[in-house]
Amino acid sequence: MVDLSAGCIPMWSSQDAATVTGGPGVVERPARGASATPQPEYGTEIAGRFRYRLIKRLGKGAFGSVFFARCLDAGVCDDAPPEGVAVKLLGRGRERDGLHLLKRELSSLRALQHPCIPRLYDWNLDGALPFVALEHYRAGDLRELLHRGAAVGEGTVWRLLHDLLSALVAAHRASILHLDVKPANVLLGGDGGFVLTDFGVSQAARIRHGTMPSSLGTPGYQAPEQRQERFDRYDVRTDLYGVGATAWALVTGIHLSERLRLVREAASGATFGLPPVSQFRIYCSPALEDVIMSMLVIDQAKRPGSAAEVLARVQELAHASEDPAGAAPPVTARRRSLAPREVSELLRSLVDPLLAAIVQSHGLDRYFVAFEDGEILCQEGERSYHAFLLLRGRVRVVREGRVVGVEEREGSFLGEVSTLTGLARTATLVAEGPVRACVFNAAELEEFVTSHPPIGMRLLRALAERLARPAGSARSPAGLTGAAGLESGQEADAPTEG
């Protein structure tokens, strides 16, 4: 990541950044009365921390162009860009919306550093030609590959899923939604892999204000909630739909933007937003089709809860000799398993007024799961993607065969770190006697916390107390679970989040 505080060469002025060359190396000033926004062309020189000369236009969109450019200061210091970079520039007459998009992309890329996301080298938003300089990928994008009509093996599709999901795991951990996953935004890496680009419409989840028309995605690859303009419903599952549609296009060879009649709406009674992959590709393994279609479920609540969850499944299935998919995770399959009488009795027994009001008035009973004495909620070292909100009972926290704590406070969260980050479980959680809990996947947990700020504040205070507690001190009160635990280097006798 570029260090703005390290200036191996001085920042060039806005006036310098606006200069246009009549030819390579020949600098001219715009004539008096000329447009304030010069037209970028071959030979145009721009500058941020480093200087660049535009060589070739790679593509043009609604808000600007992408050029291949030569860095004129390549090699002058350790963090200087390579000689060849991709430069994204605003187009004429697009200053307001285009600059907003460019700022969004810059904000996202500054927060991200991942092999499947282009590296950010430089930028200048103050000149007459605002730009960002990014890593350049010579092989083009996935849209071009689709237009070639070449047959694609399943190994390539598995790699696409792996790389896009890996990029989204990094983005979602930084609370960034991409919102426009499609073939044109997937670059072909030099090693046969794929890179997710164009974070210009990215935003945080569940945003109601400050959205732009571009955040509705691209026809054919939009999630149903984007087509319905349900901005408040945008979450990690919105991006998963885009991944599923992009993989579907690669498998079938059909560019969905050109075949919109294939898109299915909820009103049709269909389960999936697109027809089964096997309807267009005879030789498609059940494992691959199952993963792709799981992300294309129209009902957002029935899609996987996180990119990390699907990535783990991809890693498991890509090289499997047989398809172990099909059955839902045991905990998920058991939701709604409590009898109505038991649900009513459980709701009446809740002591915490806030929790009782939330559970009773918002229908959280659909997430209830019953665990019996000695039953394991989750296992140390596994990658499972469900968090637990304890409603009744005691849960023993075990690490490396040793009990490190007991959680029994009504309203305690357990397992939220692994659920939200995709990290392996740091402890085993075991029921001591009957236990009743709400079970959430990552998207459901995010929705629950953001929809109920008092619950979110309780969780934040619990995490803050855990982080502030000196290492090796006595264990925190029961119920103070959270994102620190052993993953933040605390002593092994501290309770962990599982």
Protein backbone atom coordinates (compact mmCIF):
# COMPACT_ATOMS: atom_id res chain seq x y z
CA MET A 1 0.00 0.00 0.00
CA VAL A 2 1.29 3.43 -0.87
CA ASP A 3 2.57 5.40 2.11
CA LEU A 4 1.43 8.98 1.61
CA SER A 5 3.76 10.28 4.28
CA ALA A 6 6.83 9.03 2.45
CA GLY A 7 7.71 11.53 -0.23
CA CYS A 8 10.58 10.30 -2.34
CA ILE A 9 9.56 12.96 -4.87
CA PRO A 10 7.39 16.03 -4.24
CA MET A 11 3.66 16.04 -4.95
CA TRP A 12 3.06 17.62 -8.33
CA SER A 13 0.72 20.60 -8.44
CA SER A 14 -2.81 20.52 -9.82
CA GLN A 15 -1.64 22.75 -12.65
CA ASP A 16 1.09 20.30 -13.57
CA ALA A 17 -1.40 17.43 -13.42
CA ALA A 18 -3.60 19.19 -15.98
CA THR A 19 -0.92 19.65 -18.63
CA VAL A 20 -1.45 18.03 -22.00
CA THR A 21 1.32 17.08 -24.36
CA GLY A 22 1.19 17.69 -28.07
CA GLY A 23 3.40 14.64 -28.37
CA PRO A 24 5.50 12.50 -26.04
CA GLY A 25 7.65 14.73 -23.90
CA VAL A 26 6.27 18.01 -25.30
CA VAL A 27 4.33 19.88 -22.63
CA GLU A 28 1.69 22.44 -23.57
CA ARG A 29 -0.68 24.54 -21.47
CA PRO A 30 -4.39 24.66 -22.29
CA ALA A 31 -5.23 27.70 -24.38
CA ARG A 32 -7.03 30.60 -22.71
CA GLY A 33 -10.76 29.97 -22.75
CA ALA A 34 -10.29 26.25 -23.39
CA SER A 35 -12.30 23.65 -21.48
CA ALA A 36 -11.20 23.22 -17.86
CA THR A 37 -11.25 19.46 -18.41
CA PRO A 38 -8.77 18.40 -21.11
CA GLN A 39 -9.51 15.36 -23.21
CA PRO A 40 -7.10 12.56 -22.25
CA GLU A 41 -5.28 11.12 -25.24
CA TYR A 42 -2.01 9.49 -26.21
CA GLY A 43 0.89 11.40 -24.68
CA THR A 44 -1.09 13.21 -21.99
CA GLU A 45 0.97 13.54 -18.82
CA ILE A 46 -0.60 13.49 -15.37
CA ALA A 47 0.93 13.39 -11.92
CA GLY A 48 0.22 12.48 -8.35
CA ARG A 49 3.17 11.46 -6.25
CA PHE A 50 4.64 10.15 -9.49
CA ARG A 51 4.34 11.16 -13.14
CA TYR A 52 2.56 9.14 -15.82
CA ARG A 53 2.21 9.32 -19.60
CA LEU A 54 -0.94 7.86 -21.15
CA ILE A 55 -0.15 5.31 -23.87
CA LYS A 56 -3.31 3.44 -24.84
CA ARG A 57 -6.98 3.49 -23.93
CA LEU A 58 -7.97 0.11 -22.50
CA GLY A 59 -11.65 0.75 -22.01
CA LYS A 60 -14.34 3.37 -21.64
CA GLY A 61 -17.31 3.45 -19.30
CA ALA A 62 -20.14 5.77 -18.34
CA PHE A 63 -17.97 7.91 -16.09
CA GLY A 64 -14.53 7.80 -17.65
CA SER A 65 -11.78 5.77 -19.24
CA VAL A 66 -9.01 3.38 -18.27
CA PHE A 67 -5.63 3.85 -19.92
CA PHE A 68 -2.44 1.90 -20.01
CA ALA A 69 0.22 4.37 -18.86
CA ARG A 70 3.97 4.52 -18.40
CA CYS A 71 5.25 5.65 -15.03
CA LEU A 72 7.98 8.16 -15.76
CA ASP A 73 9.38 7.80 -12.25
CA ALA A 74 9.52 4.00 -12.10
CA GLY A 75 12.42 2.83 -9.96
CA VAL A 76 13.18 6.16 -8.30
CA CYS A 77 12.35 4.76 -4.86
CA ASP A 78 11.22 1.51 -3.24
CA ASP A 79 7.49 2.24 -3.37
CA ALA A 80 7.45 3.70 -6.87
CA PRO A 81 5.02 1.99 -9.27
CA PRO A 82 6.31 -0.33 -12.01
CA GLU A 83 6.80 1.09 -15.47
CA GLY A 84 3.39 -0.08 -16.75
CA VAL A 85 0.23 0.79 -14.82
CA ALA A 86 -3.51 1.13 -15.42
CA VAL A 87 -4.85 4.66 -14.92
CA LYS A 88 -8.54 5.33 -14.34
CA LEU A 89 -9.57 8.85 -15.42
CA LEU A 90 -12.83 10.76 -15.33
CA GLY A 91 -14.54 11.63 -18.58
CA ARG A 92 -15.64 15.09 -19.67
CA GLY A 93 -18.98 16.25 -18.28
CA ARG A 94 -18.93 13.54 -15.60
CA GLU A 95 -17.15 15.50 -12.90
CA ARG A 96 -19.75 15.26 -10.13
CA ASP A 97 -20.88 11.62 -10.22
CA GLY A 98 -17.58 10.41 -11.66
CA LEU A 99 -15.52 12.02 -8.92
CA HIS A 100 -17.83 10.49 -6.34
CA LEU A 101 -17.26 7.05 -7.85
CA LEU A 102 -13.52 7.61 -8.02
CA LYS A 103 -13.47 8.63 -4.37
CA ARG A 104 -15.42 5.51 -3.41
CA GLU A 105 -13.00 3.30 -5.26
CA LEU A 106 -10.00 5.07 -3.74
CA SER A 107 -11.46 4.74 -0.25
CA SER A 108 -12.04 1.01 -0.74
CA LEU A 109 -8.65 0.26 -2.28
CA ARG A 110 -6.82 2.13 0.48
CA ALA A 111 -8.51 -0.21 2.97
CA LEU A 112 -7.76 -3.40 1.04
CA GLN A 113 -4.62 -5.31 0.19
CA HIS A 114 -5.16 -8.73 -1.35
CA PRO A 115 -3.64 -10.69 -4.26
CA CYS A 116 -7.07 -10.89 -5.94
CA ILE A 117 -7.66 -7.12 -5.77
CA PRO A 118 -5.61 -4.69 -7.90
CA ARG A 119 -2.87 -2.88 -6.05
CA LEU A 120 -3.29 0.86 -5.64
CA TYR A 121 -0.16 2.85 -6.52
CA ASP A 122 -1.06 6.50 -6.70
CA TRP A 123 -3.85 9.07 -7.17
CA ASN A 124 -4.66 12.74 -7.57
CA LEU A 125 -8.25 13.93 -7.20
CA ASP A 126 -7.50 17.66 -7.23
CA GLY A 127 -6.24 18.19 -10.75
CA ALA A 128 -8.16 18.84 -13.95
CA LEU A 129 -7.81 15.11 -14.73
CA PRO A 130 -8.58 13.27 -11.47
CA PHE A 131 -7.18 9.74 -11.57
CA VAL A 132 -6.09 6.65 -9.70
CA ALA A 133 -3.16 4.49 -10.81
CA LEU A 134 -3.59 0.75 -10.36
CA GLU A 135 -1.87 -2.53 -11.08
CA HIS A 136 -2.17 -3.42 -14.77
CA TYR A 137 -3.28 -6.84 -16.01
CA ARG A 138 -2.39 -7.42 -19.65
CA ALA A 139 -4.64 -10.41 -20.29
CA GLY A 140 -7.87 -8.41 -20.22
CA ASP A 141 -11.11 -9.25 -18.46
CA LEU A 142 -13.57 -12.11 -18.20
CA ARG A 143 -16.08 -10.42 -20.49
CA GLU A 144 -13.58 -10.67 -23.34
CA LEU A 145 -13.08 -14.35 -22.55
CA LEU A 146 -16.84 -14.92 -22.76
CA HIS A 147 -17.05 -13.17 -26.11
CA ARG A 148 -14.35 -15.42 -27.52
CA GLY A 149 -16.68 -18.36 -26.96
CA ALA A 150 -13.88 -20.70 -25.89
CA ALA A 151 -14.82 -23.78 -23.87
CA VAL A 152 -13.85 -23.46 -20.22
CA GLY A 153 -12.91 -26.40 -18.03
CA GLU A 154 -14.34 -26.86 -14.55
CA GLY A 155 -10.94 -26.23 -13.02
CA THR A 156 -11.08 -22.67 -14.36
CA VAL A 157 -14.53 -22.14 -12.86
CA TRP A 158 -13.41 -23.45 -9.46
CA ARG A 159 -10.46 -21.05 -9.63
CA LEU A 160 -12.80 -18.17 -10.50
CA LEU A 161 -14.99 -18.96 -7.50
CA HIS A 162 -11.98 -19.28 -5.22
CA ASP A 163 -10.42 -15.99 -6.28
CA LEU A 164 -13.60 -13.89 -6.30
CA LEU A 165 -14.70 -15.24 -2.93
CA SER A 166 -11.22 -14.66 -1.49
CA ALA A 167 -11.34 -11.04 -2.64
CA LEU A 168 -14.80 -10.60 -1.15
CA VAL A 169 -13.77 -12.13 2.17
CA ALA A 170 -11.11 -9.40 2.44
CA ALA A 171 -13.57 -6.69 1.36
CA HIS A 172 -16.35 -7.84 3.69
CA ARG A 173 -13.97 -7.99 6.64
CA ALA A 174 -13.32 -4.32 5.94
CA SER A 175 -17.11 -3.73 5.80
CA ILE A 176 -17.01 -3.04 2.07
CA LEU A 177 -19.62 -4.37 -0.36
CA HIS A 178 -18.59 -4.44 -4.02
CA LEU A 179 -22.15 -4.39 -5.47
CA ASP A 180 -21.18 -4.85 -9.13
CA VAL A 181 -19.56 -8.26 -9.51
CA LYS A 182 -19.75 -9.14 -13.23
CA PRO A 183 -17.42 -10.47 -15.96
CA ALA A 184 -16.31 -6.97 -17.03
CA ASN A 185 -15.05 -6.34 -13.48
CA VAL A 186 -13.05 -9.57 -13.29
CA LEU A 187 -9.51 -9.29 -14.67
CA LEU A 188 -7.44 -12.24 -15.87
CA GLY A 189 -4.33 -12.67 -13.78
CA GLY A 190 -1.04 -13.76 -15.22
CA ASP A 191 -1.01 -17.08 -13.32
CA GLY A 192 -4.39 -18.30 -14.56
CA GLY A 193 -6.20 -16.68 -11.66
CA PHE A 194 -8.70 -13.85 -11.47
CA VAL A 195 -8.78 -10.39 -9.92
CA LEU A 196 -11.84 -8.42 -8.77
CA THR A 197 -11.68 -4.78 -9.79
CA ASP A 198 -13.83 -1.61 -9.94
CA PHE A 199 -14.91 -0.75 -6.40
CA GLY A 200 -16.41 2.53 -7.61
CA VAL A 201 -19.93 1.74 -6.38
CA SER A 202 -18.84 -0.05 -3.23
CA GLN A 203 -20.42 0.90 0.07
CA ALA A 204 -21.13 -0.44 3.53
CA ALA A 205 -24.02 -2.80 4.18
CA ARG A 206 -27.54 -1.63 4.96
CA ILE A 207 -27.00 1.94 3.70
CA ARG A 208 -30.19 3.83 2.94
CA HIS A 209 -28.70 7.17 1.96
CA GLY A 210 -25.87 8.28 -0.29
CA THR A 211 -26.43 5.51 -2.82
CA MET A 212 -26.10 6.08 -6.57
CA PRO A 213 -27.91 4.54 -9.54
CA SER A 214 -24.72 2.64 -10.33
CA SER A 215 -25.06 0.76 -7.03
CA LEU A 216 -28.03 -1.03 -8.58
CA GLY A 217 -25.49 -3.24 -10.35
CA THR A 218 -25.53 -4.42 -13.96
CA PRO A 219 -28.59 -6.01 -15.62
CA GLY A 220 -28.22 -9.77 -15.71
CA TYR A 221 -25.87 -9.83 -12.72
CA GLN A 222 -27.98 -7.85 -10.24
CA ALA A 223 -29.23 -9.47 -7.08
CA PRO A 224 -33.04 -9.29 -6.71
CA GLU A 225 -32.72 -6.69 -3.94
CA GLN A 226 -30.76 -4.49 -6.35
CA ARG A 227 -33.41 -4.77 -9.05
CA GLN A 228 -36.00 -3.82 -6.44
CA GLU A 229 -33.83 -0.90 -5.22
CA ARG A 230 -33.94 -2.22 -1.66
CA PHE A 231 -30.82 -0.38 -0.55
CA ASP A 232 -31.48 -1.24 3.10
CA ARG A 233 -31.22 -4.93 2.20
CA TYR A 234 -27.76 -4.78 0.66
CA ASP A 235 -25.39 -7.07 2.53
CA VAL A 236 -22.73 -9.70 1.85
CA ARG A 237 -25.32 -11.94 0.20
CA THR A 238 -25.84 -9.28 -2.48
CA ASP A 239 -22.23 -9.75 -3.59
CA LEU A 240 -22.61 -13.53 -3.45
CA TYR A 241 -25.39 -13.32 -6.02
CA GLY A 242 -23.02 -11.43 -8.34
CA VAL A 243 -20.38 -14.14 -7.91
CA GLY A 244 -22.93 -16.84 -8.67
CA ALA A 245 -24.16 -15.06 -11.80
CA THR A 246 -20.60 -14.45 -13.02
CA ALA A 247 -19.65 -18.10 -12.51
CA TRP A 248 -22.91 -19.15 -14.18
CA ALA A 249 -21.98 -17.05 -17.22
CA LEU A 250 -18.50 -18.56 -17.40
CA VAL A 251 -19.80 -22.14 -17.13
CA THR A 252 -22.53 -21.72 -19.74
CA GLY A 253 -20.73 -19.27 -22.03
CA ILE A 254 -23.76 -16.95 -21.90
CA HIS A 255 -23.20 -13.25 -21.24
CA LEU A 256 -26.25 -12.43 -19.14
CA SER A 257 -26.35 -8.75 -20.07
CA GLU A 258 -27.24 -9.93 -23.57
CA ARG A 259 -29.79 -12.57 -22.44
CA LEU A 260 -31.91 -10.78 -19.87
CA ARG A 261 -34.90 -12.99 -20.59
CA LEU A 262 -33.13 -15.73 -18.62
CA VAL A 263 -33.38 -13.73 -15.39
CA ARG A 264 -36.18 -14.97 -13.14
CA GLU A 265 -38.17 -12.82 -10.73
CA ALA A 266 -39.62 -13.77 -7.36
CA ALA A 267 -43.13 -13.25 -8.70
CA SER A 268 -42.62 -16.20 -11.05
CA GLY A 269 -42.44 -18.57 -8.11
CA ALA A 270 -38.92 -19.65 -9.07
CA THR A 271 -36.38 -20.54 -6.39
CA PHE A 272 -33.31 -19.40 -8.32
CA GLY A 273 -32.69 -16.20 -10.24
CA LEU A 274 -31.30 -18.14 -13.22
CA PRO A 275 -32.04 -21.56 -14.76
CA PRO A 276 -29.95 -24.53 -13.56
CA VAL A 277 -26.45 -24.62 -15.01
CA SER A 278 -27.06 -28.16 -16.28
CA GLN A 279 -29.81 -26.87 -18.55
CA PHE A 280 -27.12 -25.23 -20.71
CA ARG A 281 -24.04 -27.34 -19.96
CA ILE A 282 -24.53 -31.07 -20.00
CA TYR A 283 -21.22 -31.96 -18.41
CA CYS A 284 -21.24 -30.02 -15.15
CA SER A 285 -20.49 -31.78 -11.89
CA PRO A 286 -23.27 -31.69 -9.29
CA ALA A 287 -20.84 -30.16 -6.79
CA LEU A 288 -20.05 -27.17 -9.01
CA GLU A 289 -23.68 -26.60 -9.97
CA ASP A 290 -24.77 -26.82 -6.35
CA VAL A 291 -22.27 -24.17 -5.21
CA ILE A 292 -23.16 -21.78 -8.04
CA MET A 293 -26.92 -22.14 -7.65
CA SER A 294 -26.76 -21.75 -3.86
CA MET A 295 -25.65 -18.15 -4.42
CA LEU A 296 -28.43 -17.51 -6.95
CA VAL A 297 -31.37 -18.13 -4.65
CA ILE A 298 -33.91 -15.33 -5.08
CA ASP A 299 -34.80 -15.32 -1.38
CA GLN A 300 -31.86 -13.48 0.16
CA ALA A 301 -32.37 -15.22 3.51
CA LYS A 302 -31.75 -18.61 1.89
CA ARG A 303 -28.39 -17.76 0.32
CA PRO A 304 -25.17 -18.62 2.20
CA GLY A 305 -24.38 -16.18 4.98
CA SER A 306 -20.86 -15.11 3.99
CA ALA A 307 -18.20 -15.29 1.31
CA ALA A 308 -16.00 -17.17 3.77
CA GLU A 309 -18.64 -19.86 4.14
CA VAL A 310 -18.87 -20.44 0.40
CA LEU A 311 -15.08 -20.23 0.00
CA ALA A 312 -14.59 -23.01 2.53
CA ARG A 313 -17.07 -25.14 0.63
CA VAL A 314 -15.30 -24.40 -2.66
CA GLN A 315 -11.97 -25.41 -1.17
CA GLU A 316 -13.51 -28.62 0.11
CA LEU A 317 -15.29 -29.56 -3.10
CA ALA A 318 -12.89 -28.40 -5.80
CA HIS A 319 -10.65 -31.43 -5.37
CA ALA A 320 -13.13 -33.85 -3.82
CA SER A 321 -13.51 -37.24 -5.45
CA GLU A 322 -17.22 -37.25 -4.66
CA ASP A 323 -19.80 -34.65 -3.81
CA PRO A 324 -20.42 -34.38 -0.05
CA ALA A 325 -22.76 -31.44 -0.60
CA GLY A 326 -26.49 -31.58 -0.29
CA ALA A 327 -27.27 -31.75 3.41
CA ALA A 328 -27.54 -28.46 5.27
CA PRO A 329 -25.21 -27.93 8.23
CA PRO A 330 -26.74 -29.74 11.23
CA VAL A 331 -27.33 -26.59 13.28
CA THR A 332 -29.06 -24.83 10.40
CA ALA A 333 -31.20 -27.85 9.64
CA ARG A 334 -32.45 -27.87 13.24
CA ARG A 335 -33.66 -24.28 13.33
CA ARG A 336 -37.42 -23.98 13.97
CA SER A 337 -37.22 -27.37 15.71
CA LEU A 338 -38.75 -26.17 18.99
CA ALA A 339 -42.41 -26.95 19.55
CA PRO A 340 -44.74 -23.91 19.78
CA ARG A 341 -45.39 -24.56 23.46
CA GLU A 342 -41.66 -24.65 24.20
CA VAL A 343 -41.13 -21.42 22.23
CA SER A 344 -43.84 -19.67 24.25
CA GLU A 345 -42.42 -20.93 27.54
CA LEU A 346 -38.91 -19.87 26.55
CA LEU A 347 -40.04 -16.37 25.61
CA ARG A 348 -41.87 -15.99 28.94
CA SER A 349 -38.79 -17.10 30.85
CA LEU A 350 -36.46 -14.43 29.47
CA VAL A 351 -35.35 -12.04 32.21
CA ASP A 352 -33.58 -9.35 30.16
CA PRO A 353 -36.34 -6.88 29.17
CA LEU A 354 -34.51 -5.65 26.05
CA LEU A 355 -33.75 -9.13 24.76
CA ALA A 356 -37.27 -10.35 25.54
CA ALA A 357 -38.82 -7.43 23.65
CA ILE A 358 -36.59 -7.94 20.62
CA VAL A 359 -37.10 -11.70 20.42
CA GLN A 360 -40.85 -11.50 20.87
CA SER A 361 -41.56 -8.55 18.58
CA HIS A 362 -39.27 -9.38 15.68
CA GLY A 363 -39.91 -13.08 15.14
CA LEU A 364 -36.46 -14.32 16.12
CA ASP A 365 -38.04 -17.59 17.21
CA ARG A 366 -37.36 -18.82 13.65
CA TYR A 367 -33.67 -18.95 14.59
CA PHE A 368 -34.14 -20.97 17.80
CA VAL A 369 -32.17 -24.19 18.28
CA ALA A 370 -32.24 -26.60 21.22
CA PHE A 371 -29.03 -28.29 22.40
CA GLU A 372 -29.03 -31.09 24.95
CA ASP A 373 -26.54 -31.88 27.71
CA GLY A 374 -23.09 -32.74 26.35
CA GLU A 375 -23.91 -31.68 22.80
CA ILE A 376 -21.21 -29.76 20.93
CA LEU A 377 -22.27 -26.42 19.46
CA CYS A 378 -19.04 -26.01 17.51
CA GLN A 379 -15.61 -27.64 17.49
CA GLU A 380 -12.17 -26.12 18.04
CA GLY A 381 -10.23 -25.76 14.80
CA GLU A 382 -13.22 -26.13 12.48
CA ARG A 383 -14.39 -23.48 10.07
CA SER A 384 -18.08 -23.15 10.75
CA TYR A 385 -20.08 -20.05 10.08
CA HIS A 386 -22.74 -19.70 12.75
CA ALA A 387 -22.81 -17.55 15.88
CA PHE A 388 -24.92 -18.27 18.94
CA LEU A 389 -27.03 -15.92 21.05
CA LEU A 390 -27.48 -17.68 24.39
CA LEU A 391 -31.05 -17.54 25.67
CA ARG A 392 -30.99 -20.20 28.38
CA GLY A 393 -28.52 -22.66 29.90
CA ARG A 394 -24.76 -22.97 30.37
CA VAL A 395 -22.10 -23.45 27.72
CA ARG A 396 -18.69 -24.86 28.59
CA VAL A 397 -15.74 -23.36 26.70
CA VAL A 398 -12.97 -25.91 26.09
CA ARG A 399 -9.56 -25.32 24.55
CA GLU A 400 -7.03 -28.08 23.94
CA GLY A 401 -9.05 -30.38 26.17
CA ARG A 402 -9.11 -27.93 29.09
CA VAL A 403 -12.13 -25.99 30.33
CA VAL A 404 -11.29 -22.28 30.13
CA GLY A 405 -14.65 -20.80 31.01
CA VAL A 406 -18.39 -21.15 31.27
CA GLU A 407 -20.89 -18.82 29.62
CA GLU A 408 -24.35 -18.62 31.14
CA ARG A 409 -25.52 -15.02 30.91
CA GLU A 410 -28.72 -14.56 28.97
CA GLY A 411 -27.98 -12.58 25.81
CA SER A 412 -24.32 -13.62 25.49
CA PHE A 413 -22.87 -13.94 22.00
CA LEU A 414 -20.70 -16.97 21.26
CA GLY A 415 -18.70 -17.68 18.12
CA GLU A 416 -19.21 -14.31 16.46
CA VAL A 417 -15.55 -13.80 15.49
CA SER A 418 -15.26 -16.97 13.43
CA THR A 419 -18.66 -16.32 11.92
CA LEU A 420 -17.82 -12.82 10.72
CA THR A 421 -14.19 -13.39 9.71
CA GLY A 422 -14.10 -16.99 8.53
CA LEU A 423 -11.25 -17.76 10.96
CA ALA A 424 -11.05 -21.21 12.50
CA ARG A 425 -12.78 -21.75 15.83
CA THR A 426 -10.50 -21.14 18.79
CA ALA A 427 -12.47 -23.31 21.22
CA THR A 428 -15.07 -26.02 21.51
CA LEU A 429 -18.47 -25.02 22.93
CA VAL A 430 -20.31 -27.75 24.85
CA ALA A 431 -23.81 -27.62 26.35
CA GLU A 432 -23.98 -28.18 30.12
CA GLY A 433 -27.53 -29.34 30.48
CA PRO A 434 -30.27 -28.11 28.14
CA VAL A 435 -29.28 -25.01 26.16
CA ARG A 436 -31.51 -22.80 24.04
CA ALA A 437 -29.96 -20.31 21.62
CA CYS A 438 -30.54 -18.30 18.48
CA VAL A 439 -28.23 -19.38 15.67
CA PHE A 440 -27.21 -16.82 13.02
CA ASN A 441 -25.04 -16.97 9.94
CA ALA A 442 -22.79 -13.99 9.21
CA ALA A 443 -25.35 -11.97 7.24
CA GLU A 444 -28.08 -12.66 9.79
CA LEU A 445 -25.80 -11.69 12.68
CA GLU A 446 -24.89 -8.44 10.94
CA GLU A 447 -28.56 -7.71 10.31
CA PHE A 448 -29.52 -8.49 13.91
CA VAL A 449 -26.85 -6.24 15.42
CA THR A 450 -27.37 -3.32 13.03
CA SER A 451 -31.15 -3.52 13.38
CA HIS A 452 -30.91 -3.37 17.17
CA PRO A 453 -28.31 -0.76 18.18
CA PRO A 454 -28.67 -1.39 21.95
CA ILE A 455 -27.63 -5.01 21.37
CA GLY A 456 -24.74 -3.80 19.22
CA MET A 457 -23.59 -1.43 21.98
CA ARG A 458 -23.69 -4.23 24.54
CA LEU A 459 -21.50 -6.31 22.28
CA LEU A 460 -19.06 -3.43 21.73
CA ARG A 461 -18.77 -2.79 25.46
CA ALA A 462 -18.13 -6.47 26.08
CA LEU A 463 -15.39 -6.51 23.47
CA ALA A 464 -13.86 -3.31 24.82
CA GLU A 465 -13.74 -4.70 28.34
CA ARG A 466 -12.11 -7.89 27.13
CA LEU A 467 -9.50 -5.99 25.13
CA ALA A 468 -8.74 -3.65 28.04
CA ARG A 469 -8.31 -6.45 30.58
CA PRO A 470 -4.61 -7.14 31.25
CA ALA A 471 -3.33 -10.48 29.99
CA GLY A 472 -3.42 -13.16 32.64
CA SER A 473 -5.98 -11.38 34.82
CA ALA A 474 -9.03 -13.10 36.20
CA ARG A 475 -11.60 -14.13 33.69
CA SER A 476 -14.25 -11.61 32.68
CA PRO A 477 -17.83 -12.02 33.87
CA ALA A 478 -19.82 -14.70 32.16
CA GLY A 479 -21.21 -13.50 28.88
CA LEU A 480 -18.39 -11.14 27.89
CA THR A 481 -17.53 -12.96 24.74
CA GLY A 482 -16.24 -11.40 21.60
CA ALA A 483 -13.71 -10.54 18.99
CA ALA A 484 -10.66 -10.57 21.21
CA GLY A 485 -10.29 -13.89 23.02
CA LEU A 486 -7.33 -16.07 22.16
CA GLU A 487 -7.26 -14.64 18.65
CA SER A 488 -5.98 -11.37 20.15
CA GLY A 489 -3.23 -13.00 22.15
CA GLN A 490 -4.87 -13.25 25.58
CA GLU A 491 -3.98 -15.94 28.05
CA ALA A 492 -5.35 -19.42 27.47
CA ASP A 493 -7.39 -19.31 30.70
CA ALA A 494 -9.46 -16.40 29.39
CA PRO A 495 -12.84 -17.35 27.98
CA THR A 496 -12.83 -17.47 24.23
CA GLU A 497 -15.52 -16.81 21.70
CA GLY A 498 -15.37 -20.26 20.15
